[in-house]
Structure formats: structure tokens, C-alpha cells
Amino acid sequence: MAALNNTYDTYHTYGSRVLRQETAMGAGAQLLLLALLGTAGALGPLGRFAGLVFTVASWAVLTRALGRSWPRTRPFGPANAVTLARTTLIGGVTALVADSFVRPPAVAALVTLTAVALVLDAVDGRVARRTGTASALGARFDMEADAFLIMVLSVYVALSLGVWVLLIGAMRYVFVVAARAVPWLNGPLPPSMARKTVAALQGVALLVAASGLPPRPAAHGLVLGALALLSWSFGRDIRGLRRAAAAPAPMR
């Protein structure tokens, strides 16, 4: 029994160390990206500070989540590595958006990082399924990265189109807060291609608006349409959760 316990302790220690190394590599990549943006003149002091805060916060949250899920969760794997790379890009976008409050934004850098992050969003899920490494933690990691990117983009676009754009980024977080007070909102949602499509369209619409390429009326209409679709999607899910909560329990 003692030998078995020692083996488990060694395994647990090794696994935890591997997970810490993986998250530390992500933090290192984030710092490297911030340094490159700063060297290129795309970031000022505020942007560097915001990027550093994002790096520390994301590293701490991810390390804690991985530690709590070990040993159910094995070392990162290819799908989570893609999501981690996307998170690094999102950190760069966050820094650029923060910087735009005090100086002209580096639009080209922001659009480039956002576009690559959105492309990678379509990659990590496929990698997880093909490699058999899909997990609840990976799905949550992917979802939180998506939500944060949308929130940051909505802040940036709101600077030019109006504060109402923040509704796009805030909607998911309002739902999470509401679920704490209304338990049936925590019910499981069935897979939905419509939900995934609407979520993906938010990032695309905000990216196009952030690029500054379309005229203001066109950008306004595009983002307003995205908000309408998002409101419909959340409303549909809330109605479905309400019906599921009100349905009688199945007979045993």
C-alpha cells in the first residue's frame, strides 16, 4: 500500500509539474508578443500594463483550473495548445484596445491578431475531436476565450459606434450572473449549430467594424444585426431552459 501511495504521489507531482510548465510556456509566449508589439511601436505604457495584467490573470486562472481537474485532465494536448495560442493573441488584442484609450490605435495589428484568433477558434474543436482529447475543461477554456475576445472587441468598437455595442460583449456575463440567482438557467443546453454560428458571427462582425473599412452606417447596421441575432440566440436558449425546468420529472 505504501508503495502504491508513493507511486500515486510521484505521478500526481509529475503531472502537476507538467501542467505548470505548459501554462508557464503560455505566459512566456504572451510576454514575448507584448514585447514584439512594444518594439514595433504598437503599444504604449497603458497597453503594456493591460497586457501584463491579462498575462498574470490568465496564467493564474488556468493554472488553478488545471490543478483542480488533475488527474482527470492529462497534460494539455494539441487542442488546448491551440486554445492557449489563441489566448495569447487575445492578450495582445486586449493590450491594443487598452492602448487605444490614450493614443491612436494600431488598427493593422489589432485586426491581424483578431483575425488569426478567430481562425484558430475554428481549429481547436476539430483538433480535439480528431485526436480524441475533447474534455469539459477544454470546452470551458474555449468558451471563456471566445467570450473575452468578444467583450474586448465590443469595447473597442463601442468607442466609434456607441456604448450600445457593449451589449454584445456583456450579454454572456450577464447570463452567468443571472444564473446564480435563477438556478434553472444552469441547466444543460443541447448542441446547436445555430448557437455556434451566431457566436462566430459576433467576432466577424466586430472585426469588420474594428477594421474601419466599411462606412459608419454600414458598420452600424452590421453590428446591430449581430446584436439582434445574439439576442435571439440567448432568448431561444432561455426559453428552452425554462421549458426544461418546468417539465415534470420522468417516472422511474
C-alpha atoms as a PDB file:
ATOM      1  CA  MET A   1       0.000   0.000   0.000  1.00  0.00           C
ATOM      2  CA  ALA A   2       2.828   2.392   0.858  1.00  0.00           C
ATOM      3  CA  ALA A   3       4.467   1.678  -2.489  1.00  0.00           C
ATOM      4  CA  LEU A   4       1.146   2.345  -4.259  1.00  0.00           C
ATOM      5  CA  ASN A   5       0.709   5.641  -2.425  1.00  0.00           C
ATOM      6  CA  ASN A   6       4.268   6.664  -3.287  1.00  0.00           C
ATOM      7  CA  THR A   7       3.642   5.863  -6.944  1.00  0.00           C
ATOM      8  CA  TYR A   8       0.453   7.936  -6.924  1.00  0.00           C
ATOM      9  CA  ASP A   9       2.184  10.849  -5.220  1.00  0.00           C
ATOM     10  CA  THR A  10       5.001  10.745  -7.764  1.00  0.00           C
ATOM     11  CA  TYR A  11       2.513  10.598 -10.630  1.00  0.00           C
ATOM     12  CA  HIS A  12       0.469  13.463  -9.194  1.00  0.00           C
ATOM     13  CA  THR A  13       3.563  15.604  -8.613  1.00  0.00           C
ATOM     14  CA  TYR A  14       4.885  14.940 -12.099  1.00  0.00           C
ATOM     15  CA  GLY A  15       1.539  15.681 -13.716  1.00  0.00           C
ATOM     16  CA  SER A  16       1.085  18.905 -11.787  1.00  0.00           C
ATOM     17  CA  ARG A  17       4.591  19.997 -12.752  1.00  0.00           C
ATOM     18  CA  VAL A  18       3.898  19.314 -16.428  1.00  0.00           C
ATOM     19  CA  LEU A  19       0.699  21.345 -16.275  1.00  0.00           C
ATOM     20  CA  ARG A  20       2.510  24.252 -14.619  1.00  0.00           C
ATOM     21  CA  GLN A  21       5.182  24.124 -17.312  1.00  0.00           C
ATOM     22  CA  GLU A  22       2.566  24.258 -20.054  1.00  0.00           C
ATOM     23  CA  THR A  23       0.789  27.269 -18.584  1.00  0.00           C
ATOM     24  CA  ALA A  24       4.146  28.956 -17.931  1.00  0.00           C
ATOM     25  CA  MET A  25       5.030  28.498 -21.607  1.00  0.00           C
ATOM     26  CA  GLY A  26       1.768  30.228 -22.490  1.00  0.00           C
ATOM     27  CA  ALA A  27       2.606  33.124 -20.186  1.00  0.00           C
ATOM     28  CA  GLY A  28       6.060  33.345 -21.738  1.00  0.00           C
ATOM     29  CA  ALA A  29       4.580  33.473 -25.244  1.00  0.00           C
ATOM     30  CA  GLN A  30       2.243  36.229 -24.090  1.00  0.00           C
ATOM     31  CA  LEU A  31       5.121  38.321 -22.738  1.00  0.00           C
ATOM     32  CA  LEU A  32       7.040  37.781 -25.976  1.00  0.00           C
ATOM     33  CA  LEU A  33       4.081  39.001 -28.039  1.00  0.00           C
ATOM     34  CA  LEU A  34       3.750  42.104 -25.853  1.00  0.00           C
ATOM     35  CA  ALA A  35       7.459  42.785 -26.266  1.00  0.00           C
ATOM     36  CA  LEU A  36       7.192  42.483 -30.051  1.00  0.00           C
ATOM     37  CA  LEU A  37       4.201  44.824 -30.163  1.00  0.00           C
ATOM     38  CA  GLY A  38       6.043  47.314 -27.990  1.00  0.00           C
ATOM     39  CA  THR A  39       9.168  47.140 -30.145  1.00  0.00           C
ATOM     40  CA  ALA A  40       7.061  47.754 -33.245  1.00  0.00           C
ATOM     41  CA  GLY A  41       5.628  50.874 -31.630  1.00  0.00           C
ATOM     42  CA  ALA A  42       2.115  49.455 -31.438  1.00  0.00           C
ATOM     43  CA  LEU A  43       1.936  49.574 -27.616  1.00  0.00           C
ATOM     44  CA  GLY A  44       2.406  52.349 -25.125  1.00  0.00           C
ATOM     45  CA  PRO A  45       2.674  52.133 -21.319  1.00  0.00           C
ATOM     46  CA  LEU A  46      -1.061  51.577 -20.756  1.00  0.00           C
ATOM     47  CA  GLY A  47      -1.181  48.781 -23.310  1.00  0.00           C
ATOM     48  CA  ARG A  48       1.850  47.071 -21.815  1.00  0.00           C
ATOM     49  CA  PHE A  49       0.316  47.285 -18.351  1.00  0.00           C
ATOM     50  CA  ALA A  50      -3.028  45.882 -19.551  1.00  0.00           C
ATOM     51  CA  GLY A  51      -1.235  43.062 -21.349  1.00  0.00           C
ATOM     52  CA  LEU A  52       0.765  42.237 -18.238  1.00  0.00           C
ATOM     53  CA  VAL A  53      -2.380  42.152 -16.108  1.00  0.00           C
ATOM     54  CA  PHE A  54      -4.023  39.851 -18.651  1.00  0.00           C
ATOM     55  CA  THR A  55      -0.973  37.573 -18.641  1.00  0.00           C
ATOM     56  CA  VAL A  56      -0.870  37.226 -14.864  1.00  0.00           C
ATOM     57  CA  ALA A  57      -4.630  36.791 -14.518  1.00  0.00           C
ATOM     58  CA  SER A  58      -4.985  34.228 -17.309  1.00  0.00           C
ATOM     59  CA  TRP A  59      -1.957  32.265 -16.105  1.00  0.00           C
ATOM     60  CA  ALA A  60      -3.310  32.148 -12.531  1.00  0.00           C
ATOM     61  CA  VAL A  61      -6.854  31.166 -13.542  1.00  0.00           C
ATOM     62  CA  LEU A  62      -5.727  28.498 -15.998  1.00  0.00           C
ATOM     63  CA  THR A  63      -3.164  27.013 -13.603  1.00  0.00           C
ATOM     64  CA  ARG A  64      -5.799  26.795 -10.873  1.00  0.00           C
ATOM     65  CA  ALA A  65      -8.352  25.207 -13.197  1.00  0.00           C
ATOM     66  CA  LEU A  66      -5.865  22.629 -14.448  1.00  0.00           C
ATOM     67  CA  GLY A  67      -4.683  21.861 -10.926  1.00  0.00           C
ATOM     68  CA  ARG A  68      -8.250  21.263  -9.739  1.00  0.00           C
ATOM     69  CA  SER A  69      -9.010  18.982 -12.684  1.00  0.00           C
ATOM     70  CA  TRP A  70      -5.838  16.859 -12.334  1.00  0.00           C
ATOM     71  CA  PRO A  71      -5.570  13.863 -12.645  1.00  0.00           C
ATOM     72  CA  ARG A  72      -8.794  13.726 -14.657  1.00  0.00           C
ATOM     73  CA  THR A  73      -7.169  16.116 -17.122  1.00  0.00           C
ATOM     74  CA  ARG A  74      -3.951  14.946 -18.748  1.00  0.00           C
ATOM     75  CA  PRO A  75      -1.304  17.385 -19.976  1.00  0.00           C
ATOM     76  CA  PHE A  76      -2.630  19.974 -22.330  1.00  0.00           C
ATOM     77  CA  GLY A  77      -2.754  18.119 -25.605  1.00  0.00           C
ATOM     78  CA  PRO A  78      -2.940  19.634 -29.087  1.00  0.00           C
ATOM     79  CA  ALA A  79      -6.452  21.123 -28.865  1.00  0.00           C
ATOM     80  CA  ASN A  80      -5.826  23.024 -25.646  1.00  0.00           C
ATOM     81  CA  ALA A  81      -2.468  24.127 -27.027  1.00  0.00           C
ATOM     82  CA  VAL A  82      -4.324  25.764 -29.934  1.00  0.00           C
ATOM     83  CA  THR A  83      -6.692  27.472 -27.486  1.00  0.00           C
ATOM     84  CA  LEU A  84      -3.710  28.632 -25.443  1.00  0.00           C
ATOM     85  CA  ALA A  85      -2.162  30.135 -28.584  1.00  0.00           C
ATOM     86  CA  ARG A  86      -5.464  31.882 -29.241  1.00  0.00           C
ATOM     87  CA  THR A  87      -5.483  33.197 -25.679  1.00  0.00           C
ATOM     88  CA  THR A  88      -2.025  34.664 -26.297  1.00  0.00           C
ATOM     89  CA  LEU A  89      -3.389  36.545 -29.308  1.00  0.00           C
ATOM     90  CA  ILE A  90      -6.374  37.712 -27.264  1.00  0.00           C
ATOM     91  CA  GLY A  91      -3.951  39.113 -24.703  1.00  0.00           C
ATOM     92  CA  GLY A  92      -2.345  41.129 -27.492  1.00  0.00           C
ATOM     93  CA  VAL A  93      -5.753  42.387 -28.630  1.00  0.00           C
ATOM     94  CA  THR A  94      -6.579  43.354 -25.043  1.00  0.00           C
ATOM     95  CA  ALA A  95      -3.369  45.358 -24.768  1.00  0.00           C
ATOM     96  CA  LEU A  96      -4.021  47.139 -28.069  1.00  0.00           C
ATOM     97  CA  VAL A  97      -7.598  48.010 -27.110  1.00  0.00           C
ATOM     98  CA  ALA A  98      -6.468  49.393 -23.747  1.00  0.00           C
ATOM     99  CA  ASP A  99      -3.842  51.473 -25.534  1.00  0.00           C
ATOM    100  CA  SER A 100      -6.464  52.918 -27.893  1.00  0.00           C
ATOM    101  CA  PHE A 101      -7.961  54.881 -24.991  1.00  0.00           C
ATOM    102  CA  VAL A 102      -4.923  57.143 -24.781  1.00  0.00           C
ATOM    103  CA  ARG A 103      -3.409  57.178 -28.283  1.00  0.00           C
ATOM    104  CA  PRO A 104      -4.298  56.378 -31.892  1.00  0.00           C
ATOM    105  CA  PRO A 105      -4.936  52.643 -32.194  1.00  0.00           C
ATOM    106  CA  ALA A 106      -2.675  50.274 -34.089  1.00  0.00           C
ATOM    107  CA  VAL A 107      -5.543  49.069 -36.252  1.00  0.00           C
ATOM    108  CA  ALA A 108      -3.481  46.801 -38.507  1.00  0.00           C
ATOM    109  CA  ALA A 109      -2.003  44.901 -35.560  1.00  0.00           C
ATOM    110  CA  LEU A 110      -5.374  44.637 -33.840  1.00  0.00           C
ATOM    111  CA  VAL A 111      -7.135  43.348 -36.955  1.00  0.00           C
ATOM    112  CA  THR A 112      -4.362  40.858 -37.706  1.00  0.00           C
ATOM    113  CA  LEU A 113      -4.282  39.371 -34.201  1.00  0.00           C
ATOM    114  CA  THR A 114      -8.072  39.202 -34.053  1.00  0.00           C
ATOM    115  CA  ALA A 115      -8.372  37.555 -37.458  1.00  0.00           C
ATOM    116  CA  VAL A 116      -5.862  34.838 -36.559  1.00  0.00           C
ATOM    117  CA  ALA A 117      -7.594  34.270 -33.209  1.00  0.00           C
ATOM    118  CA  LEU A 118     -10.942  33.836 -34.950  1.00  0.00           C
ATOM    119  CA  VAL A 119      -9.446  31.368 -37.426  1.00  0.00           C
ATOM    120  CA  LEU A 120      -7.925  29.344 -34.588  1.00  0.00           C
ATOM    121  CA  ASP A 121     -11.343  29.259 -32.931  1.00  0.00           C
ATOM    122  CA  ALA A 122     -12.471  27.013 -35.758  1.00  0.00           C
ATOM    123  CA  VAL A 123      -9.410  24.786 -35.340  1.00  0.00           C
ATOM    124  CA  ASP A 124      -9.227  23.731 -31.693  1.00  0.00           C
ATOM    125  CA  GLY A 125     -12.584  21.944 -31.629  1.00  0.00           C
ATOM    126  CA  ARG A 126     -11.731  19.932 -34.734  1.00  0.00           C
ATOM    127  CA  VAL A 127      -8.333  19.032 -33.309  1.00  0.00           C
ATOM    128  CA  ALA A 128      -9.949  17.875 -30.062  1.00  0.00           C
ATOM    129  CA  ARG A 129     -12.381  15.614 -31.902  1.00  0.00           C
ATOM    130  CA  ARG A 130      -9.808  14.156 -34.289  1.00  0.00           C
ATOM    131  CA  THR A 131      -7.289  13.421 -31.539  1.00  0.00           C
ATOM    132  CA  GLY A 132      -9.862  12.188 -29.016  1.00  0.00           C
ATOM    133  CA  THR A 133      -8.771  14.798 -26.472  1.00  0.00           C
ATOM    134  CA  ALA A 134     -12.078  16.631 -26.032  1.00  0.00           C
ATOM    135  CA  SER A 135     -12.829  17.417 -22.390  1.00  0.00           C
ATOM    136  CA  ALA A 136     -15.134  19.558 -20.261  1.00  0.00           C
ATOM    137  CA  LEU A 137     -12.170  21.692 -19.242  1.00  0.00           C
ATOM    138  CA  GLY A 138     -11.120  22.206 -22.856  1.00  0.00           C
ATOM    139  CA  ALA A 139     -14.659  23.204 -23.843  1.00  0.00           C
ATOM    140  CA  ARG A 140     -14.824  25.678 -20.955  1.00  0.00           C
ATOM    141  CA  PHE A 141     -11.403  27.075 -21.820  1.00  0.00           C
ATOM    142  CA  ASP A 142     -12.505  27.581 -25.419  1.00  0.00           C
ATOM    143  CA  MET A 143     -15.781  29.230 -24.385  1.00  0.00           C
ATOM    144  CA  GLU A 144     -14.143  31.648 -21.951  1.00  0.00           C
ATOM    145  CA  ALA A 145     -11.556  32.657 -24.539  1.00  0.00           C
ATOM    146  CA  ASP A 146     -14.333  33.341 -27.058  1.00  0.00           C
ATOM    147  CA  ALA A 147     -16.364  35.366 -24.578  1.00  0.00           C
ATOM    148  CA  PHE A 148     -13.429  37.506 -23.509  1.00  0.00           C
ATOM    149  CA  LEU A 149     -12.372  38.265 -27.082  1.00  0.00           C
ATOM    150  CA  ILE A 150     -15.915  39.349 -27.944  1.00  0.00           C
ATOM    151  CA  MET A 151     -16.062  41.543 -24.865  1.00  0.00           C
ATOM    152  CA  VAL A 152     -12.748  43.252 -25.677  1.00  0.00           C
ATOM    153  CA  LEU A 153     -13.737  43.798 -29.313  1.00  0.00           C
ATOM    154  CA  SER A 154     -17.088  45.238 -28.269  1.00  0.00           C
ATOM    155  CA  VAL A 155     -15.257  47.743 -26.041  1.00  0.00           C
ATOM    156  CA  TYR A 156     -13.107  48.837 -28.976  1.00  0.00           C
ATOM    157  CA  VAL A 157     -15.982  49.133 -31.443  1.00  0.00           C
ATOM    158  CA  ALA A 158     -18.098  50.966 -28.855  1.00  0.00           C
ATOM    159  CA  LEU A 159     -15.555  53.798 -28.960  1.00  0.00           C
ATOM    160  CA  SER A 160     -16.651  54.611 -32.503  1.00  0.00           C
ATOM    161  CA  LEU A 161     -20.220  53.296 -32.784  1.00  0.00           C
ATOM    162  CA  GLY A 162     -21.605  53.930 -29.324  1.00  0.00           C
ATOM    163  CA  VAL A 163     -21.946  52.388 -25.904  1.00  0.00           C
ATOM    164  CA  TRP A 164     -24.786  50.108 -27.048  1.00  0.00           C
ATOM    165  CA  VAL A 165     -22.192  47.809 -28.695  1.00  0.00           C
ATOM    166  CA  LEU A 166     -21.108  46.759 -25.196  1.00  0.00           C
ATOM    167  CA  LEU A 167     -24.313  44.717 -25.010  1.00  0.00           C
ATOM    168  CA  ILE A 168     -22.689  42.160 -27.300  1.00  0.00           C
ATOM    169  CA  GLY A 169     -19.736  41.611 -25.013  1.00  0.00           C
ATOM    170  CA  ALA A 170     -21.730  41.839 -21.789  1.00  0.00           C
ATOM    171  CA  MET A 171     -24.591  39.512 -22.670  1.00  0.00           C
ATOM    172  CA  ARG A 172     -22.846  36.274 -21.794  1.00  0.00           C
ATOM    173  CA  TYR A 173     -21.538  37.635 -18.485  1.00  0.00           C
ATOM    174  CA  VAL A 174     -24.978  38.979 -17.567  1.00  0.00           C
ATOM    175  CA  PHE A 175     -26.342  35.493 -18.234  1.00  0.00           C
ATOM    176  CA  VAL A 176     -23.722  33.947 -15.917  1.00  0.00           C
ATOM    177  CA  VAL A 177     -24.586  36.393 -13.123  1.00  0.00           C
ATOM    178  CA  ALA A 178     -28.325  35.801 -13.624  1.00  0.00           C
ATOM    179  CA  ALA A 179     -27.781  32.034 -13.399  1.00  0.00           C
ATOM    180  CA  ARG A 180     -26.511  32.498  -9.843  1.00  0.00           C
ATOM    181  CA  ALA A 181     -29.878  33.922  -8.851  1.00  0.00           C
ATOM    182  CA  VAL A 182     -32.049  31.755 -11.120  1.00  0.00           C
ATOM    183  CA  PRO A 183     -30.910  28.118 -10.760  1.00  0.00           C
ATOM    184  CA  TRP A 184     -32.752  26.751 -13.788  1.00  0.00           C
ATOM    185  CA  LEU A 185     -30.529  28.868 -16.056  1.00  0.00           C
ATOM    186  CA  ASN A 186     -27.716  26.470 -15.134  1.00  0.00           C
ATOM    187  CA  GLY A 187     -29.447  23.611 -16.928  1.00  0.00           C
ATOM    188  CA  PRO A 188     -27.688  21.806 -19.787  1.00  0.00           C
ATOM    189  CA  LEU A 189     -28.174  23.133 -23.289  1.00  0.00           C
ATOM    190  CA  PRO A 190     -28.386  20.742 -26.246  1.00  0.00           C
ATOM    191  CA  PRO A 191     -25.796  21.174 -29.002  1.00  0.00           C
ATOM    192  CA  SER A 192     -26.917  23.771 -31.524  1.00  0.00           C
ATOM    193  CA  MET A 193     -25.340  24.719 -34.832  1.00  0.00           C
ATOM    194  CA  ALA A 194     -27.410  27.911 -34.830  1.00  0.00           C
ATOM    195  CA  ARG A 195     -25.908  28.933 -31.471  1.00  0.00           C
ATOM    196  CA  LYS A 196     -22.376  28.274 -32.703  1.00  0.00           C
ATOM    197  CA  THR A 197     -22.981  30.164 -35.931  1.00  0.00           C
ATOM    198  CA  VAL A 198     -24.407  33.204 -34.166  1.00  0.00           C
ATOM    199  CA  ALA A 199     -21.482  33.223 -31.715  1.00  0.00           C
ATOM    200  CA  ALA A 200     -18.978  33.075 -34.581  1.00  0.00           C
ATOM    201  CA  LEU A 201     -20.741  35.900 -36.409  1.00  0.00           C
ATOM    202  CA  GLN A 202     -20.253  38.226 -33.423  1.00  0.00           C
ATOM    203  CA  GLY A 203     -16.490  38.070 -33.785  1.00  0.00           C
ATOM    204  CA  VAL A 204     -16.620  38.522 -37.562  1.00  0.00           C
ATOM    205  CA  ALA A 205     -18.990  41.498 -37.357  1.00  0.00           C
ATOM    206  CA  LEU A 206     -16.930  43.213 -34.672  1.00  0.00           C
ATOM    207  CA  LEU A 207     -13.704  42.544 -36.579  1.00  0.00           C
ATOM    208  CA  VAL A 208     -15.092  44.115 -39.759  1.00  0.00           C
ATOM    209  CA  ALA A 209     -16.326  47.137 -37.806  1.00  0.00           C
ATOM    210  CA  ALA A 210     -12.997  47.435 -35.969  1.00  0.00           C
ATOM    211  CA  SER A 211     -11.080  47.455 -39.258  1.00  0.00           C
ATOM    212  CA  GLY A 212     -12.588  50.796 -40.180  1.00  0.00           C
ATOM    213  CA  LEU A 213     -13.091  49.648 -43.778  1.00  0.00           C
ATOM    214  CA  PRO A 214     -16.891  49.871 -44.075  1.00  0.00           C
ATOM    215  CA  PRO A 215     -18.591  53.286 -43.876  1.00  0.00           C
ATOM    216  CA  ARG A 216     -20.021  54.137 -40.483  1.00  0.00           C
ATOM    217  CA  PRO A 217     -23.683  53.437 -41.456  1.00  0.00           C
ATOM    218  CA  ALA A 218     -22.711  50.019 -42.832  1.00  0.00           C
ATOM    219  CA  ALA A 219     -20.656  49.173 -39.746  1.00  0.00           C
ATOM    220  CA  HIS A 220     -23.519  50.323 -37.547  1.00  0.00           C
ATOM    221  CA  GLY A 221     -26.001  48.106 -39.394  1.00  0.00           C
ATOM    222  CA  LEU A 222     -23.649  45.116 -39.359  1.00  0.00           C
ATOM    223  CA  VAL A 223     -23.035  45.257 -35.622  1.00  0.00           C
ATOM    224  CA  LEU A 224     -26.682  45.975 -34.869  1.00  0.00           C
ATOM    225  CA  GLY A 225     -27.639  42.890 -36.890  1.00  0.00           C
ATOM    226  CA  ALA A 226     -25.115  40.823 -34.940  1.00  0.00           C
ATOM    227  CA  LEU A 227     -26.614  42.066 -31.668  1.00  0.00           C
ATOM    228  CA  ALA A 228     -30.107  41.177 -32.854  1.00  0.00           C
ATOM    229  CA  LEU A 229     -29.003  37.625 -33.722  1.00  0.00           C
ATOM    230  CA  LEU A 230     -27.243  37.253 -30.370  1.00  0.00           C
ATOM    231  CA  SER A 231     -30.347  38.437 -28.518  1.00  0.00           C
ATOM    232  CA  TRP A 232     -32.440  35.924 -30.442  1.00  0.00           C
ATOM    233  CA  SER A 233     -29.985  33.115 -29.636  1.00  0.00           C
ATOM    234  CA  PHE A 234     -29.913  33.876 -25.922  1.00  0.00           C
ATOM    235  CA  GLY A 235     -33.688  34.273 -25.847  1.00  0.00           C
ATOM    236  CA  ARG A 236     -34.172  30.909 -27.530  1.00  0.00           C
ATOM    237  CA  ASP A 237     -31.835  29.196 -25.069  1.00  0.00           C
ATOM    238  CA  ILE A 238     -33.505  30.829 -22.072  1.00  0.00           C
ATOM    239  CA  ARG A 239     -36.926  29.712 -23.279  1.00  0.00           C
ATOM    240  CA  GLY A 240     -35.614  26.182 -23.753  1.00  0.00           C
ATOM    241  CA  LEU A 241     -34.108  26.114 -20.261  1.00  0.00           C
ATOM    242  CA  ARG A 242     -37.355  27.436 -18.802  1.00  0.00           C
ATOM    243  CA  ARG A 243     -39.410  24.748 -20.509  1.00  0.00           C
ATOM    244  CA  ALA A 244     -36.981  22.054 -19.371  1.00  0.00           C
ATOM    245  CA  ALA A 245     -37.188  23.298 -15.777  1.00  0.00           C
ATOM    246  CA  ALA A 246     -40.991  23.383 -15.858  1.00  0.00           C
ATOM    247  CA  ALA A 247     -41.332  19.910 -17.394  1.00  0.00           C
ATOM    248  CA  PRO A 248     -42.445  17.171 -14.962  1.00  0.00           C
ATOM    249  CA  ALA A 249     -39.742  14.798 -13.807  1.00  0.00           C
ATOM    250  CA  PRO A 250     -39.757  11.455 -15.699  1.00  0.00           C
ATOM    251  CA  MET A 251     -41.364   8.487 -13.960  1.00  0.00           C
ATOM    252  CA  ARG A 252     -38.961   5.910 -12.546  1.00  0.00           C
END
